[in-house]
Amino acid sequence: MKTAKTRASHSQLILTALKAGEHITGVDAFVRWKCFALPQRIFDLRKQGHKIVSETSSVSGKRWATYHMELASSP
């Protein structure tokens, strides 16, 4: 079972990468941080007010989501 500390740690690592302009998939999160629950961490970050965009892709019937930060619009 994951601890609150692990969830918070994963959320912070993910947020740092997203703020750096990275696009992250579930495979990326697992390989880089051993995070099995990327959609849940994205949900947590969105609840905190972070503007995170998800894009769904598919190839040969396989689907996955890619997450990135919403770009700030210019006035």
PDB file of N, CA and C in Angstrom:
ATOM      1  N   MET A   1       0.842  -1.183   0.000  1.00  0.00           N
ATOM      2  CA  MET A   1       0.000   0.000   0.000  1.00  0.00           C
ATOM      3  C   MET A   1       0.883   1.240   0.000  1.00  0.00           C
ATOM      4  N   LYS A   2       0.495   2.229  -0.804  1.00  0.00           N
ATOM      5  CA  LYS A   2       1.246   3.474  -0.875  1.00  0.00           C
ATOM      6  C   LYS A   2       0.936   4.337   0.337  1.00  0.00           C
ATOM      7  N   THR A   3       1.931   5.009   0.806  1.00  0.00           N
ATOM      8  CA  THR A   3       1.738   5.913   1.928  1.00  0.00           C
ATOM      9  C   THR A   3       1.438   7.310   1.405  1.00  0.00           C
ATOM     10  N   ALA A   4       0.913   8.154   2.274  1.00  0.00           N
ATOM     11  CA  ALA A   4       0.644   9.538   1.896  1.00  0.00           C
ATOM     12  C   ALA A   4       1.940  10.227   1.468  1.00  0.00           C
ATOM     13  N   LYS A   5       3.042   9.861   2.110  1.00  0.00           N
ATOM     14  CA  LYS A   5       4.340  10.444   1.767  1.00  0.00           C
ATOM     15  C   LYS A   5       4.730  10.080   0.344  1.00  0.00           C
ATOM     16  N   THR A   6       4.521   8.830  -0.049  1.00  0.00           N
ATOM     17  CA  THR A   6       4.847   8.391  -1.406  1.00  0.00           C
ATOM     18  C   THR A   6       3.975   9.111  -2.416  1.00  0.00           C
ATOM     19  N   ARG A   7       2.667   9.219  -2.135  1.00  0.00           N
ATOM     20  CA  ARG A   7       1.755   9.925  -3.046  1.00  0.00           C
ATOM     21  C   ARG A   7       2.195  11.373  -3.220  1.00  0.00           C
ATOM     22  N   ALA A   8       2.526  12.029  -2.113  1.00  0.00           N
ATOM     23  CA  ALA A   8       2.953  13.428  -2.165  1.00  0.00           C
ATOM     24  C   ALA A   8       4.263  13.554  -2.937  1.00  0.00           C
ATOM     25  N   SER A   9       5.167  12.618  -2.719  1.00  0.00           N
ATOM     26  CA  SER A   9       6.450  12.632  -3.402  1.00  0.00           C
ATOM     27  C   SER A   9       6.255  12.463  -4.910  1.00  0.00           C
ATOM     28  N   HIS A  10       5.432  11.504  -5.303  1.00  0.00           N
ATOM     29  CA  HIS A  10       5.150  11.298  -6.725  1.00  0.00           C
ATOM     30  C   HIS A  10       4.488  12.542  -7.313  1.00  0.00           C
ATOM     31  N   SER A  11       3.538  13.111  -6.599  1.00  0.00           N
ATOM     32  CA  SER A  11       2.852  14.306  -7.096  1.00  0.00           C
ATOM     33  C   SER A  11       3.847  15.431  -7.330  1.00  0.00           C
ATOM     34  N   GLN A  12       4.780  15.622  -6.406  1.00  0.00           N
ATOM     35  CA  GLN A  12       5.764  16.692  -6.550  1.00  0.00           C
ATOM     36  C   GLN A  12       6.691  16.439  -7.732  1.00  0.00           C
ATOM     37  N   LEU A  13       7.143  15.204  -7.912  1.00  0.00           N
ATOM     38  CA  LEU A  13       8.005  14.872  -9.042  1.00  0.00           C
ATOM     39  C   LEU A  13       7.285  15.108 -10.368  1.00  0.00           C
ATOM     40  N   ILE A  14       6.032  14.693 -10.433  1.00  0.00           N
ATOM     41  CA  ILE A  14       5.222  14.868 -11.640  1.00  0.00           C
ATOM     42  C   ILE A  14       5.009  16.346 -11.915  1.00  0.00           C
ATOM     43  N   LEU A  15       4.646  17.103 -10.882  1.00  0.00           N
ATOM     44  CA  LEU A  15       4.411  18.533 -11.049  1.00  0.00           C
ATOM     45  C   LEU A  15       5.669  19.243 -11.534  1.00  0.00           C
ATOM     46  N   THR A  16       6.805  18.900 -10.985  1.00  0.00           N
ATOM     47  CA  THR A  16       8.073  19.517 -11.401  1.00  0.00           C
ATOM     48  C   THR A  16       8.329  19.255 -12.887  1.00  0.00           C
ATOM     49  N   ALA A  17       8.110  18.022 -13.318  1.00  0.00           N
ATOM     50  CA  ALA A  17       8.321  17.676 -14.729  1.00  0.00           C
ATOM     51  C   ALA A  17       7.336  18.416 -15.629  1.00  0.00           C
ATOM     52  N   LEU A  18       6.079  18.486 -15.220  1.00  0.00           N
ATOM     53  CA  LEU A  18       5.072  19.189 -16.021  1.00  0.00           C
ATOM     54  C   LEU A  18       5.396  20.674 -16.128  1.00  0.00           C
ATOM     55  N   LYS A  19       5.817  21.273 -15.023  1.00  0.00           N
ATOM     56  CA  LYS A  19       6.176  22.705 -15.034  1.00  0.00           C
ATOM     57  C   LYS A  19       7.398  22.969 -15.908  1.00  0.00           C
ATOM     58  N   ALA A  20       8.230  21.958 -16.097  1.00  0.00           N
ATOM     59  CA  ALA A  20       9.406  22.077 -16.959  1.00  0.00           C
ATOM     60  C   ALA A  20       9.036  21.917 -18.437  1.00  0.00           C
ATOM     61  N   GLY A  21       7.737  21.711 -18.705  1.00  0.00           N
ATOM     62  CA  GLY A  21       7.275  21.598 -20.082  1.00  0.00           C
ATOM     63  C   GLY A  21       7.225  20.184 -20.628  1.00  0.00           C
ATOM     64  N   GLU A  22       7.435  19.203 -19.765  1.00  0.00           N
ATOM     65  CA  GLU A  22       7.422  17.819 -20.221  1.00  0.00           C
ATOM     66  C   GLU A  22       5.999  17.315 -20.443  1.00  0.00           C
ATOM     67  N   HIS A  23       5.875  16.345 -21.320  1.00  0.00           N
ATOM     68  CA  HIS A  23       4.635  15.615 -21.540  1.00  0.00           C
ATOM     69  C   HIS A  23       4.864  14.227 -20.951  1.00  0.00           C
ATOM     70  N   ILE A  24       3.928  13.760 -20.117  1.00  0.00           N
ATOM     71  CA  ILE A  24       4.145  12.529 -19.355  1.00  0.00           C
ATOM     72  C   ILE A  24       3.029  11.521 -19.626  1.00  0.00           C
ATOM     73  N   THR A  25       3.425  10.272 -19.827  1.00  0.00           N
ATOM     74  CA  THR A  25       2.478   9.160 -19.956  1.00  0.00           C
ATOM     75  C   THR A  25       2.626   8.263 -18.727  1.00  0.00           C
ATOM     76  N   GLY A  26       1.709   7.314 -18.590  1.00  0.00           N
ATOM     77  CA  GLY A  26       1.792   6.362 -17.496  1.00  0.00           C
ATOM     78  C   GLY A  26       3.081   5.556 -17.524  1.00  0.00           C
ATOM     79  N   VAL A  27       3.538   5.203 -18.712  1.00  0.00           N
ATOM     80  CA  VAL A  27       4.790   4.458 -18.844  1.00  0.00           C
ATOM     81  C   VAL A  27       5.954   5.322 -18.366  1.00  0.00           C
ATOM     82  N   ASP A  28       5.947   6.598 -18.751  1.00  0.00           N
ATOM     83  CA  ASP A  28       7.007   7.510 -18.294  1.00  0.00           C
ATOM     84  C   ASP A  28       7.051   7.554 -16.765  1.00  0.00           C
ATOM     85  N   ALA A  29       5.886   7.724 -16.143  1.00  0.00           N
ATOM     86  CA  ALA A  29       5.811   7.842 -14.685  1.00  0.00           C
ATOM     87  C   ALA A  29       6.301   6.565 -14.002  1.00  0.00           C
ATOM     88  N   PHE A  30       5.973   5.422 -14.569  1.00  0.00           N
ATOM     89  CA  PHE A  30       6.428   4.167 -13.973  1.00  0.00           C
ATOM     90  C   PHE A  30       7.940   4.008 -14.110  1.00  0.00           C
ATOM     91  N   VAL A  31       8.453   4.239 -15.313  1.00  0.00           N
ATOM     92  CA  VAL A  31       9.882   4.054 -15.550  1.00  0.00           C
ATOM     93  C   VAL A  31      10.715   5.041 -14.728  1.00  0.00           C
ATOM     94  N   ARG A  32      10.287   6.294 -14.670  1.00  0.00           N
ATOM     95  CA  ARG A  32      11.088   7.323 -13.993  1.00  0.00           C
ATOM     96  C   ARG A  32      10.955   7.287 -12.479  1.00  0.00           C
ATOM     97  N   TRP A  33       9.709   7.065 -11.977  1.00  0.00           N
ATOM     98  CA  TRP A  33       9.474   7.217 -10.541  1.00  0.00           C
ATOM     99  C   TRP A  33       8.804   6.008  -9.891  1.00  0.00           C
ATOM    100  N   LYS A  34       8.613   4.927 -10.630  1.00  0.00           N
ATOM    101  CA  LYS A  34       7.898   3.743 -10.116  1.00  0.00           C
ATOM    102  C   LYS A  34       6.489   4.114  -9.633  1.00  0.00           C
ATOM    103  N   CYS A  35       5.874   5.058 -10.337  1.00  0.00           N
ATOM    104  CA  CYS A  35       4.527   5.518 -10.015  1.00  0.00           C
ATOM    105  C   CYS A  35       3.529   4.752 -10.885  1.00  0.00           C
ATOM    106  N   PHE A  36       2.720   3.910 -10.245  1.00  0.00           N
ATOM    107  CA  PHE A  36       1.725   3.113 -10.958  1.00  0.00           C
ATOM    108  C   PHE A  36       0.417   3.871 -11.158  1.00  0.00           C
ATOM    109  N   ALA A  37       0.241   4.994 -10.471  1.00  0.00           N
ATOM    110  CA  ALA A  37      -1.064   5.649 -10.402  1.00  0.00           C
ATOM    111  C   ALA A  37      -1.029   7.076 -10.952  1.00  0.00           C
ATOM    112  N   LEU A  38      -0.507   7.253 -12.156  1.00  0.00           N
ATOM    113  CA  LEU A  38      -0.417   8.592 -12.728  1.00  0.00           C
ATOM    114  C   LEU A  38      -1.775   9.287 -12.817  1.00  0.00           C
ATOM    115  N   PRO A  39      -2.839   8.645 -13.288  1.00  0.00           N
ATOM    116  CA  PRO A  39      -4.124   9.356 -13.347  1.00  0.00           C
ATOM    117  C   PRO A  39      -4.596   9.868 -11.983  1.00  0.00           C
ATOM    118  N   GLN A  40      -4.343   9.115 -10.937  1.00  0.00           N
ATOM    119  CA  GLN A  40      -4.737   9.559  -9.598  1.00  0.00           C
ATOM    120  C   GLN A  40      -3.898  10.747  -9.147  1.00  0.00           C
ATOM    121  N   ARG A  41      -2.588  10.737  -9.458  1.00  0.00           N
ATOM    122  CA  ARG A  41      -1.746  11.864  -9.078  1.00  0.00           C
ATOM    123  C   ARG A  41      -2.131  13.112  -9.868  1.00  0.00           C
ATOM    124  N   ILE A  42      -2.504  12.950 -11.140  1.00  0.00           N
ATOM    125  CA  ILE A  42      -2.974  14.080 -11.946  1.00  0.00           C
ATOM    126  C   ILE A  42      -4.261  14.626 -11.334  1.00  0.00           C
ATOM    127  N   PHE A  43      -5.157  13.745 -10.916  1.00  0.00           N
ATOM    128  CA  PHE A  43      -6.396  14.162 -10.256  1.00  0.00           C
ATOM    129  C   PHE A  43      -6.077  14.988  -9.008  1.00  0.00           C
ATOM    130  N   ASP A  44      -5.136  14.513  -8.190  1.00  0.00           N
ATOM    131  CA  ASP A  44      -4.739  15.242  -6.976  1.00  0.00           C
ATOM    132  C   ASP A  44      -4.202  16.629  -7.321  1.00  0.00           C
ATOM    133  N   LEU A  45      -3.359  16.697  -8.352  1.00  0.00           N
ATOM    134  CA  LEU A  45      -2.776  17.985  -8.742  1.00  0.00           C
ATOM    135  C   LEU A  45      -3.844  18.941  -9.274  1.00  0.00           C
ATOM    136  N   ARG A  46      -4.795  18.409 -10.025  1.00  0.00           N
ATOM    137  CA  ARG A  46      -5.896  19.254 -10.517  1.00  0.00           C
ATOM    138  C   ARG A  46      -6.732  19.779  -9.356  1.00  0.00           C
ATOM    139  N   LYS A  47      -6.945  18.950  -8.334  1.00  0.00           N
ATOM    140  CA  LYS A  47      -7.691  19.399  -7.150  1.00  0.00           C
ATOM    141  C   LYS A  47      -6.977  20.543  -6.452  1.00  0.00           C
ATOM    142  N   GLN A  48      -5.663  20.590  -6.573  1.00  0.00           N
ATOM    143  CA  GLN A  48      -4.867  21.668  -5.980  1.00  0.00           C
ATOM    144  C   GLN A  48      -4.895  22.930  -6.841  1.00  0.00           C
ATOM    145  N   GLY A  49      -5.525  22.839  -8.013  1.00  0.00           N
ATOM    146  CA  GLY A  49      -5.669  24.011  -8.873  1.00  0.00           C
ATOM    147  C   GLY A  49      -4.737  24.085 -10.062  1.00  0.00           C
ATOM    148  N   HIS A  50      -3.925  23.068 -10.276  1.00  0.00           N
ATOM    149  CA  HIS A  50      -3.010  23.076 -11.412  1.00  0.00           C
ATOM    150  C   HIS A  50      -3.780  22.769 -12.692  1.00  0.00           C
ATOM    151  N   LYS A  51      -3.485  23.524 -13.741  1.00  0.00           N
ATOM    152  CA  LYS A  51      -4.147  23.361 -15.037  1.00  0.00           C
ATOM    153  C   LYS A  51      -3.362  22.342 -15.862  1.00  0.00           C
ATOM    154  N   ILE A  52      -3.837  21.111 -15.836  1.00  0.00           N
ATOM    155  CA  ILE A  52      -3.165  20.016 -16.537  1.00  0.00           C
ATOM    156  C   ILE A  52      -4.085  19.506 -17.632  1.00  0.00           C
ATOM    157  N   VAL A  53      -3.546  19.405 -18.830  1.00  0.00           N
ATOM    158  CA  VAL A  53      -4.288  18.953 -20.002  1.00  0.00           C
ATOM    159  C   VAL A  53      -3.980  17.484 -20.239  1.00  0.00           C
ATOM    160  N   SER A  54      -4.998  16.717 -20.617  1.00  0.00           N
ATOM    161  CA  SER A  54      -4.763  15.331 -20.999  1.00  0.00           C
ATOM    162  C   SER A  54      -5.172  15.153 -22.459  1.00  0.00           C
ATOM    163  N   GLU A  55      -4.365  14.420 -23.182  1.00  0.00           N
ATOM    164  CA  GLU A  55      -4.638  14.100 -24.572  1.00  0.00           C
ATOM    165  C   GLU A  55      -4.606  12.582 -24.715  1.00  0.00           C
ATOM    166  N   THR A  56      -5.635  12.034 -25.317  1.00  0.00           N
ATOM    167  CA  THR A  56      -5.713  10.589 -25.492  1.00  0.00           C
ATOM    168  C   THR A  56      -5.249  10.218 -26.894  1.00  0.00           C
ATOM    169  N   SER A  57      -4.424   9.190 -26.975  1.00  0.00           N
ATOM    170  CA  SER A  57      -3.917   8.678 -28.247  1.00  0.00           C
ATOM    171  C   SER A  57      -4.235   7.196 -28.337  1.00  0.00           C
ATOM    172  N   SER A  58      -4.240   6.686 -29.564  1.00  0.00           N
ATOM    173  CA  SER A  58      -4.438   5.243 -29.730  1.00  0.00           C
ATOM    174  C   SER A  58      -3.725   4.761 -30.983  1.00  0.00           C
ATOM    175  N   VAL A  59      -3.216   3.543 -30.880  1.00  0.00           N
ATOM    176  CA  VAL A  59      -2.566   2.875 -32.001  1.00  0.00           C
ATOM    177  C   VAL A  59      -2.927   1.407 -31.899  1.00  0.00           C
ATOM    178  N   SER A  60      -3.434   0.850 -32.965  1.00  0.00           N
ATOM    179  CA  SER A  60      -3.784  -0.575 -33.023  1.00  0.00           C
ATOM    180  C   SER A  60      -4.656  -0.997 -31.847  1.00  0.00           C
ATOM    181  N   GLY A  61      -5.605  -0.161 -31.479  1.00  0.00           N
ATOM    182  CA  GLY A  61      -6.526  -0.492 -30.400  1.00  0.00           C
ATOM    183  C   GLY A  61      -6.003  -0.228 -29.007  1.00  0.00           C
ATOM    184  N   LYS A  62      -4.760   0.169 -28.862  1.00  0.00           N
ATOM    185  CA  LYS A  62      -4.182   0.508 -27.556  1.00  0.00           C
ATOM    186  C   LYS A  62      -4.360   1.993 -27.328  1.00  0.00           C
ATOM    187  N   ARG A  63      -4.868   2.359 -26.136  1.00  0.00           N
ATOM    188  CA  ARG A  63      -5.098   3.773 -25.810  1.00  0.00           C
ATOM    189  C   ARG A  63      -4.276   4.182 -24.604  1.00  0.00           C
ATOM    190  N   TRP A  64      -3.848   5.439 -24.604  1.00  0.00           N
ATOM    191  CA  TRP A  64      -3.134   5.979 -23.459  1.00  0.00           C
ATOM    192  C   TRP A  64      -3.335   7.486 -23.413  1.00  0.00           C
ATOM    193  N   ALA A  65      -3.079   8.059 -22.263  1.00  0.00           N
ATOM    194  CA  ALA A  65      -3.189   9.505 -22.081  1.00  0.00           C
ATOM    195  C   ALA A  65      -1.802  10.095 -21.900  1.00  0.00           C
ATOM    196  N   THR A  66      -1.635  11.286 -22.422  1.00  0.00           N
ATOM    197  CA  THR A  66      -0.431  12.071 -22.231  1.00  0.00           C
ATOM    198  C   THR A  66      -0.853  13.351 -21.518  1.00  0.00           C
ATOM    199  N   TYR A  67      -0.122  13.715 -20.470  1.00  0.00           N
ATOM    200  CA  TYR A  67      -0.458  14.889 -19.678  1.00  0.00           C
ATOM    201  C   TYR A  67       0.602  15.970 -19.831  1.00  0.00           C
ATOM    202  N   HIS A  68       0.142  17.217 -19.840  1.00  0.00           N
ATOM    203  CA  HIS A  68       1.058  18.355 -19.858  1.00  0.00           C
ATOM    204  C   HIS A  68       0.366  19.561 -19.249  1.00  0.00           C
ATOM    205  N   MET A  69       1.137  20.588 -18.918  1.00  0.00           N
ATOM    206  CA  MET A  69       0.577  21.794 -18.308  1.00  0.00           C
ATOM    207  C   MET A  69      -0.093  22.634 -19.395  1.00  0.00           C
ATOM    208  N   GLU A  70      -1.197  23.264 -19.010  1.00  0.00           N
ATOM    209  CA  GLU A  70      -1.891  24.170 -19.922  1.00  0.00           C
ATOM    210  C   GLU A  70      -1.030  25.411 -20.098  1.00  0.00           C
ATOM    211  N   LEU A  71      -0.876  25.825 -21.320  1.00  0.00           N
ATOM    212  CA  LEU A  71      -0.082  27.012 -21.596  1.00  0.00           C
ATOM    213  C   LEU A  71      -0.863  28.250 -21.202  1.00  0.00           C
ATOM    214  N   ALA A  72      -0.161  29.206 -20.618  1.00  0.00           N
ATOM    215  CA  ALA A  72      -0.801  30.477 -20.260  1.00  0.00           C
ATOM    216  C   ALA A  72      -1.078  31.246 -21.534  1.00  0.00           C
ATOM    217  N   SER A  73      -2.272  31.789 -21.648  1.00  0.00           N
ATOM    218  CA  SER A  73      -2.620  32.555 -22.848  1.00  0.00           C
ATOM    219  C   SER A  73      -2.097  33.981 -22.717  1.00  0.00           C
ATOM    220  N   SER A  74      -1.700  34.545 -23.841  1.00  0.00           N
ATOM    221  CA  SER A  74      -1.193  35.909 -23.857  1.00  0.00           C
ATOM    222  C   SER A  74      -2.368  36.880 -23.903  1.00  0.00           C
ATOM    223  N   PRO A  75      -2.239  38.031 -23.229  1.00  0.00           N
ATOM    224  CA  PRO A  75      -3.344  39.005 -23.254  1.00  0.00           C
ATOM    225  C   PRO A  75      -3.520  39.675 -24.589  1.00  0.00           C
TER     226      PRO A  75
END
